[in-house]
PDB file of N, CA and C in Angstrom:
ATOM      1  N   MET A   1      22.773  44.488   1.301  1.00  0.00           N
ATOM      2  CA  MET A   1      22.121  43.233   1.513  1.00  0.00           C
ATOM      3  C   MET A   1      20.836  43.209   0.684  1.00  0.00           C
ATOM      4  N   ASP A   2      20.687  42.169  -0.134  1.00  0.00           N
ATOM      5  CA  ASP A   2      19.485  42.102  -0.970  1.00  0.00           C
ATOM      6  C   ASP A   2      18.361  41.345  -0.254  1.00  0.00           C
ATOM      7  N   GLN A   3      17.198  41.309  -0.898  1.00  0.00           N
ATOM      8  CA  GLN A   3      16.020  40.738  -0.281  1.00  0.00           C
ATOM      9  C   GLN A   3      16.185  39.247   0.003  1.00  0.00           C
ATOM     10  N   LEU A   4      16.805  38.504  -0.898  1.00  0.00           N
ATOM     11  CA  LEU A   4      17.013  37.083  -0.682  1.00  0.00           C
ATOM     12  C   LEU A   4      17.893  36.843   0.519  1.00  0.00           C
ATOM     13  N   GLU A   5      18.959  37.627   0.665  1.00  0.00           N
ATOM     14  CA  GLU A   5      19.834  37.480   1.832  1.00  0.00           C
ATOM     15  C   GLU A   5      19.071  37.729   3.124  1.00  0.00           C
ATOM     16  N   MET A   6      18.182  38.728   3.135  1.00  0.00           N
ATOM     17  CA  MET A   6      17.389  39.024   4.326  1.00  0.00           C
ATOM     18  C   MET A   6      16.436  37.877   4.645  1.00  0.00           C
ATOM     19  N   LYS A   7      15.868  37.272   3.622  1.00  0.00           N
ATOM     20  CA  LYS A   7      14.968  36.127   3.832  1.00  0.00           C
ATOM     21  C   LYS A   7      15.740  34.950   4.396  1.00  0.00           C
ATOM     22  N   LYS A   8      16.948  34.712   3.952  1.00  0.00           N
ATOM     23  CA  LYS A   8      17.776  33.622   4.470  1.00  0.00           C
ATOM     24  C   LYS A   8      18.140  33.879   5.924  1.00  0.00           C
ATOM     25  N   ILE A   9      18.402  35.119   6.278  1.00  0.00           N
ATOM     26  CA  ILE A   9      18.693  35.463   7.677  1.00  0.00           C
ATOM     27  C   ILE A   9      17.467  35.212   8.541  1.00  0.00           C
ATOM     28  N   ALA A  10      16.308  35.602   8.056  1.00  0.00           N
ATOM     29  CA  ALA A  10      15.068  35.363   8.784  1.00  0.00           C
ATOM     30  C   ALA A  10      14.810  33.855   8.952  1.00  0.00           C
ATOM     31  N   ALA A  11      15.061  33.102   7.924  1.00  0.00           N
ATOM     32  CA  ALA A  11      14.873  31.642   7.990  1.00  0.00           C
ATOM     33  C   ALA A  11      15.809  31.017   9.033  1.00  0.00           C
ATOM     34  N   GLN A  12      17.064  31.429   9.062  1.00  0.00           N
ATOM     35  CA  GLN A  12      18.016  30.932  10.047  1.00  0.00           C
ATOM     36  C   GLN A  12      17.572  31.310  11.464  1.00  0.00           C
ATOM     37  N   ALA A  13      17.070  32.521  11.631  1.00  0.00           N
ATOM     38  CA  ALA A  13      16.597  32.966  12.937  1.00  0.00           C
ATOM     39  C   ALA A  13      15.402  32.129  13.401  1.00  0.00           C
ATOM     40  N   ALA A  14      14.542  31.753  12.479  1.00  0.00           N
ATOM     41  CA  ALA A  14      13.364  30.944  12.829  1.00  0.00           C
ATOM     42  C   ALA A  14      13.733  29.555  13.326  1.00  0.00           C
ATOM     43  N   LEU A  15      14.887  29.061  12.916  1.00  0.00           N
ATOM     44  CA  LEU A  15      15.302  27.729  13.345  1.00  0.00           C
ATOM     45  C   LEU A  15      15.455  27.615  14.846  1.00  0.00           C
ATOM     46  N   GLN A  16      15.710  28.723  15.529  1.00  0.00           N
ATOM     47  CA  GLN A  16      15.866  28.670  16.994  1.00  0.00           C
ATOM     48  C   GLN A  16      14.578  28.209  17.694  1.00  0.00           C
ATOM     49  N   PHE A  17      13.447  28.313  16.999  1.00  0.00           N
ATOM     50  CA  PHE A  17      12.177  27.915  17.587  1.00  0.00           C
ATOM     51  C   PHE A  17      11.841  26.434  17.299  1.00  0.00           C
ATOM     52  N   VAL A  18      12.641  25.800  16.483  1.00  0.00           N
ATOM     53  CA  VAL A  18      12.430  24.387  16.134  1.00  0.00           C
ATOM     54  C   VAL A  18      13.251  23.551  17.120  1.00  0.00           C
ATOM     55  N   LYS A  19      12.572  22.673  17.825  1.00  0.00           N
ATOM     56  CA  LYS A  19      13.197  21.835  18.842  1.00  0.00           C
ATOM     57  C   LYS A  19      13.233  20.373  18.368  1.00  0.00           C
ATOM     58  N   PRO A  20      14.169  19.602  18.893  1.00  0.00           N
ATOM     59  CA  PRO A  20      14.230  18.173  18.532  1.00  0.00           C
ATOM     60  C   PRO A  20      12.895  17.482  18.805  1.00  0.00           C
ATOM     61  N   GLU A  21      12.587  16.547  17.964  1.00  0.00           N
ATOM     62  CA  GLU A  21      11.381  15.712  18.065  1.00  0.00           C
ATOM     63  C   GLU A  21      10.075  16.471  17.726  1.00  0.00           C
ATOM     64  N   MET A  22      10.201  17.680  17.201  1.00  0.00           N
ATOM     65  CA  MET A  22       9.008  18.451  16.793  1.00  0.00           C
ATOM     66  C   MET A  22       8.493  17.963  15.443  1.00  0.00           C
ATOM     67  N   ILE A  23       7.205  18.194  15.240  1.00  0.00           N
ATOM     68  CA  ILE A  23       6.616  18.140  13.900  1.00  0.00           C
ATOM     69  C   ILE A  23       6.433  19.598  13.495  1.00  0.00           C
ATOM     70  N   VAL A  24       7.029  19.968  12.394  1.00  0.00           N
ATOM     71  CA  VAL A  24       7.063  21.383  11.984  1.00  0.00           C
ATOM     72  C   VAL A  24       6.031  21.619  10.881  1.00  0.00           C
ATOM     73  N   GLY A  25       5.199  22.628  11.068  1.00  0.00           N
ATOM     74  CA  GLY A  25       4.269  23.044  10.053  1.00  0.00           C
ATOM     75  C   GLY A  25       4.849  24.250   9.296  1.00  0.00           C
ATOM     76  N   VAL A  26       4.794  24.189   7.982  1.00  0.00           N
ATOM     77  CA  VAL A  26       5.319  25.295   7.172  1.00  0.00           C
ATOM     78  C   VAL A  26       4.242  25.834   6.248  1.00  0.00           C
ATOM     79  N   GLY A  27       4.295  27.102   6.014  1.00  0.00           N
ATOM     80  CA  GLY A  27       3.353  27.762   5.122  1.00  0.00           C
ATOM     81  C   GLY A  27       3.848  27.698   3.694  1.00  0.00           C
ATOM     82  N   SER A  28       3.712  28.810   3.005  1.00  0.00           N
ATOM     83  CA  SER A  28       4.174  28.871   1.620  1.00  0.00           C
ATOM     84  C   SER A  28       4.711  30.262   1.322  1.00  0.00           C
ATOM     85  N   GLY A  29       5.465  30.338   0.257  1.00  0.00           N
ATOM     86  CA  GLY A  29       6.029  31.624  -0.142  1.00  0.00           C
ATOM     87  C   GLY A  29       7.538  31.595  -0.164  1.00  0.00           C
ATOM     88  N   SER A  30       8.123  32.665  -0.652  1.00  0.00           N
ATOM     89  CA  SER A  30       9.568  32.675  -0.864  1.00  0.00           C
ATOM     90  C   SER A  30      10.371  32.646   0.448  1.00  0.00           C
ATOM     91  N   THR A  31       9.863  33.263   1.492  1.00  0.00           N
ATOM     92  CA  THR A  31      10.588  33.218   2.773  1.00  0.00           C
ATOM     93  C   THR A  31      10.475  31.822   3.386  1.00  0.00           C
ATOM     94  N   VAL A  32       9.336  31.187   3.237  1.00  0.00           N
ATOM     95  CA  VAL A  32       9.165  29.796   3.708  1.00  0.00           C
ATOM     96  C   VAL A  32      10.089  28.881   2.930  1.00  0.00           C
ATOM     97  N   ASN A  33      10.270  29.114   1.673  1.00  0.00           N
ATOM     98  CA  ASN A  33      11.188  28.309   0.866  1.00  0.00           C
ATOM     99  C   ASN A  33      12.594  28.352   1.478  1.00  0.00           C
ATOM    100  N   CYS A  34      13.027  29.539   1.881  1.00  0.00           N
ATOM    101  CA  CYS A  34      14.329  29.679   2.533  1.00  0.00           C
ATOM    102  C   CYS A  34      14.360  28.938   3.849  1.00  0.00           C
ATOM    103  N   PHE A  35      13.243  28.982   4.590  1.00  0.00           N
ATOM    104  CA  PHE A  35      13.162  28.268   5.870  1.00  0.00           C
ATOM    105  C   PHE A  35      13.263  26.764   5.659  1.00  0.00           C
ATOM    106  N   ILE A  36      12.580  26.241   4.651  1.00  0.00           N
ATOM    107  CA  ILE A  36      12.641  24.816   4.369  1.00  0.00           C
ATOM    108  C   ILE A  36      14.063  24.392   4.054  1.00  0.00           C
ATOM    109  N   GLU A  37      14.768  25.194   3.281  1.00  0.00           N
ATOM    110  CA  GLU A  37      16.168  24.900   2.981  1.00  0.00           C
ATOM    111  C   GLU A  37      16.992  24.850   4.265  1.00  0.00           C
ATOM    112  N   ALA A  38      16.776  25.824   5.151  1.00  0.00           N
ATOM    113  CA  ALA A  38      17.497  25.882   6.418  1.00  0.00           C
ATOM    114  C   ALA A  38      17.116  24.689   7.305  1.00  0.00           C
ATOM    115  N   LEU A  39      15.849  24.309   7.271  1.00  0.00           N
ATOM    116  CA  LEU A  39      15.359  23.202   8.078  1.00  0.00           C
ATOM    117  C   LEU A  39      16.025  21.886   7.715  1.00  0.00           C
ATOM    118  N   GLY A  40      16.520  21.789   6.513  1.00  0.00           N
ATOM    119  CA  GLY A  40      17.233  20.585   6.097  1.00  0.00           C
ATOM    120  C   GLY A  40      18.403  20.256   6.998  1.00  0.00           C
ATOM    121  N   SER A  41      18.988  21.268   7.636  1.00  0.00           N
ATOM    122  CA  SER A  41      20.104  21.025   8.547  1.00  0.00           C
ATOM    123  C   SER A  41      19.658  20.308   9.829  1.00  0.00           C
ATOM    124  N   MET A  42      18.334  20.276  10.067  1.00  0.00           N
ATOM    125  CA  MET A  42      17.809  19.626  11.279  1.00  0.00           C
ATOM    126  C   MET A  42      16.997  18.364  10.954  1.00  0.00           C
ATOM    127  N   LYS A  43      17.104  17.879   9.734  1.00  0.00           N
ATOM    128  CA  LYS A  43      16.237  16.797   9.288  1.00  0.00           C
ATOM    129  C   LYS A  43      16.336  15.531  10.143  1.00  0.00           C
ATOM    130  N   ASP A  44      17.492  15.286  10.767  1.00  0.00           N
ATOM    131  CA  ASP A  44      17.629  14.108  11.608  1.00  0.00           C
ATOM    132  C   ASP A  44      17.160  14.330  13.023  1.00  0.00           C
ATOM    133  N   GLU A  45      16.815  15.565  13.357  1.00  0.00           N
ATOM    134  CA  GLU A  45      16.416  15.924  14.712  1.00  0.00           C
ATOM    135  C   GLU A  45      14.908  16.052  14.882  1.00  0.00           C
ATOM    136  N   ILE A  46      14.185  16.369  13.805  1.00  0.00           N
ATOM    137  CA  ILE A  46      12.736  16.590  13.907  1.00  0.00           C
ATOM    138  C   ILE A  46      11.985  15.322  13.512  1.00  0.00           C
ATOM    139  N   LYS A  47      10.743  15.225  13.975  1.00  0.00           N
ATOM    140  CA  LYS A  47       9.927  14.063  13.617  1.00  0.00           C
ATOM    141  C   LYS A  47       9.433  14.117  12.191  1.00  0.00           C
ATOM    142  N   GLY A  48       9.218  15.319  11.680  1.00  0.00           N
ATOM    143  CA  GLY A  48       8.719  15.475  10.332  1.00  0.00           C
ATOM    144  C   GLY A  48       8.136  16.846  10.130  1.00  0.00           C
ATOM    145  N   ALA A  49       7.441  17.000   8.978  1.00  0.00           N
ATOM    146  CA  ALA A  49       6.891  18.304   8.627  1.00  0.00           C
ATOM    147  C   ALA A  49       5.589  18.133   7.875  1.00  0.00           C
ATOM    148  N   VAL A  50       4.749  19.157   7.993  1.00  0.00           N
ATOM    149  CA  VAL A  50       3.510  19.249   7.224  1.00  0.00           C
ATOM    150  C   VAL A  50       3.564  20.558   6.438  1.00  0.00           C
ATOM    151  N   ALA A  51       2.904  20.585   5.291  1.00  0.00           N
ATOM    152  CA  ALA A  51       2.984  21.742   4.398  1.00  0.00           C
ATOM    153  C   ALA A  51       1.619  22.337   4.111  1.00  0.00           C
ATOM    154  N   ALA A  52       1.629  23.625   3.846  1.00  0.00           N
ATOM    155  CA  ALA A  52       0.392  24.352   3.489  1.00  0.00           C
ATOM    156  C   ALA A  52       0.164  24.381   1.981  1.00  0.00           C
ATOM    157  N   SER A  53       1.135  23.969   1.193  1.00  0.00           N
ATOM    158  CA  SER A  53       0.979  24.039  -0.260  1.00  0.00           C
ATOM    159  C   SER A  53       1.747  22.910  -0.917  1.00  0.00           C
ATOM    160  N   LYS A  54       1.387  22.646  -2.163  1.00  0.00           N
ATOM    161  CA  LYS A  54       2.086  21.615  -2.950  1.00  0.00           C
ATOM    162  C   LYS A  54       3.560  22.010  -3.145  1.00  0.00           C
ATOM    163  N   ASN A  55       3.832  23.267  -3.369  1.00  0.00           N
ATOM    164  CA  ASN A  55       5.195  23.708  -3.554  1.00  0.00           C
ATOM    165  C   ASN A  55       6.025  23.432  -2.301  1.00  0.00           C
ATOM    166  N   SER A  56       5.495  23.789  -1.150  1.00  0.00           N
ATOM    167  CA  SER A  56       6.220  23.514   0.109  1.00  0.00           C
ATOM    168  C   SER A  56       6.374  22.016   0.312  1.00  0.00           C
ATOM    169  N   GLU A  57       5.365  21.236  -0.039  1.00  0.00           N
ATOM    170  CA  GLU A  57       5.463  19.781   0.063  1.00  0.00           C
ATOM    171  C   GLU A  57       6.623  19.256  -0.754  1.00  0.00           C
ATOM    172  N   GLU A  58       6.742  19.726  -1.994  1.00  0.00           N
ATOM    173  CA  GLU A  58       7.810  19.261  -2.867  1.00  0.00           C
ATOM    174  C   GLU A  58       9.189  19.658  -2.323  1.00  0.00           C
ATOM    175  N   LEU A  59       9.282  20.879  -1.817  1.00  0.00           N
ATOM    176  CA  LEU A  59      10.565  21.311  -1.242  1.00  0.00           C
ATOM    177  C   LEU A  59      10.941  20.457  -0.050  1.00  0.00           C
ATOM    178  N   LEU A  60       9.964  20.166   0.825  1.00  0.00           N
ATOM    179  CA  LEU A  60      10.221  19.312   1.968  1.00  0.00           C
ATOM    180  C   LEU A  60      10.723  17.944   1.521  1.00  0.00           C
ATOM    181  N   LYS A  61      10.067  17.364   0.560  1.00  0.00           N
ATOM    182  CA  LYS A  61      10.462  16.053   0.060  1.00  0.00           C
ATOM    183  C   LYS A  61      11.858  16.097  -0.581  1.00  0.00           C
ATOM    184  N   ASN A  62      12.153  17.180  -1.300  1.00  0.00           N
ATOM    185  CA  ASN A  62      13.478  17.319  -1.912  1.00  0.00           C
ATOM    186  C   ASN A  62      14.574  17.468  -0.878  1.00  0.00           C
ATOM    187  N   MET A  63      14.240  17.995   0.271  1.00  0.00           N
ATOM    188  CA  MET A  63      15.229  18.148   1.346  1.00  0.00           C
ATOM    189  C   MET A  63      15.358  16.835   2.146  1.00  0.00           C
ATOM    190  N   VAL A  64      14.641  15.807   1.705  1.00  0.00           N
ATOM    191  CA  VAL A  64      14.615  14.480   2.347  1.00  0.00           C
ATOM    192  C   VAL A  64      14.172  14.600   3.790  1.00  0.00           C
ATOM    193  N   LEU A  65      13.221  15.507   3.992  1.00  0.00           N
ATOM    194  CA  LEU A  65      12.593  15.604   5.315  1.00  0.00           C
ATOM    195  C   LEU A  65      11.409  14.651   5.356  1.00  0.00           C
ATOM    196  N   LYS A  66      11.180  14.094   6.506  1.00  0.00           N
ATOM    197  CA  LYS A  66      10.025  13.182   6.649  1.00  0.00           C
ATOM    198  C   LYS A  66       8.757  14.019   6.512  1.00  0.00           C
ATOM    199  N   TYR A  67       8.097  13.827   5.393  1.00  0.00           N
ATOM    200  CA  TYR A  67       6.913  14.603   5.073  1.00  0.00           C
ATOM    201  C   TYR A  67       5.672  13.847   5.574  1.00  0.00           C
ATOM    202  N   LEU A  68       4.836  14.513   6.364  1.00  0.00           N
ATOM    203  CA  LEU A  68       3.701  13.860   6.976  1.00  0.00           C
ATOM    204  C   LEU A  68       2.394  14.085   6.229  1.00  0.00           C
ATOM    205  N   ALA A  69       2.053  15.317   5.900  1.00  0.00           N
ATOM    206  CA  ALA A  69       0.776  15.588   5.243  1.00  0.00           C
ATOM    207  C   ALA A  69       0.726  17.046   4.799  1.00  0.00           C
ATOM    208  N   GLN A  70      -0.173  17.286   3.870  1.00  0.00           N
ATOM    209  CA  GLN A  70      -0.428  18.687   3.463  1.00  0.00           C
ATOM    210  C   GLN A  70      -1.578  19.191   4.310  1.00  0.00           C
ATOM    211  N   MET A  71      -1.423  20.381   4.893  1.00  0.00           N
ATOM    212  CA  MET A  71      -2.500  20.977   5.664  1.00  0.00           C
ATOM    213  C   MET A  71      -3.598  21.418   4.731  1.00  0.00           C
ATOM    214  N   MET A  72      -4.816  21.387   5.193  1.00  0.00           N
ATOM    215  CA  MET A  72      -5.956  21.853   4.386  1.00  0.00           C
ATOM    216  C   MET A  72      -6.365  23.234   4.829  1.00  0.00           C
TER     217      MET A  72
END
């Protein structure tokens, strides 16, 4: 199992903590990128997301997630 596969497994595991109607805050980095991709499967269940970086913001928007704001 390579590093990317492990990050994807971690991202999938983190989804168990995301509940319907939540606003999800995401950080930045390669593991967070995997989480944002996984979060796309819940885009119709969550209220939206906020990002800690421009890169995370762009990924959220590309996943057609309701993007609320960038955290400062």
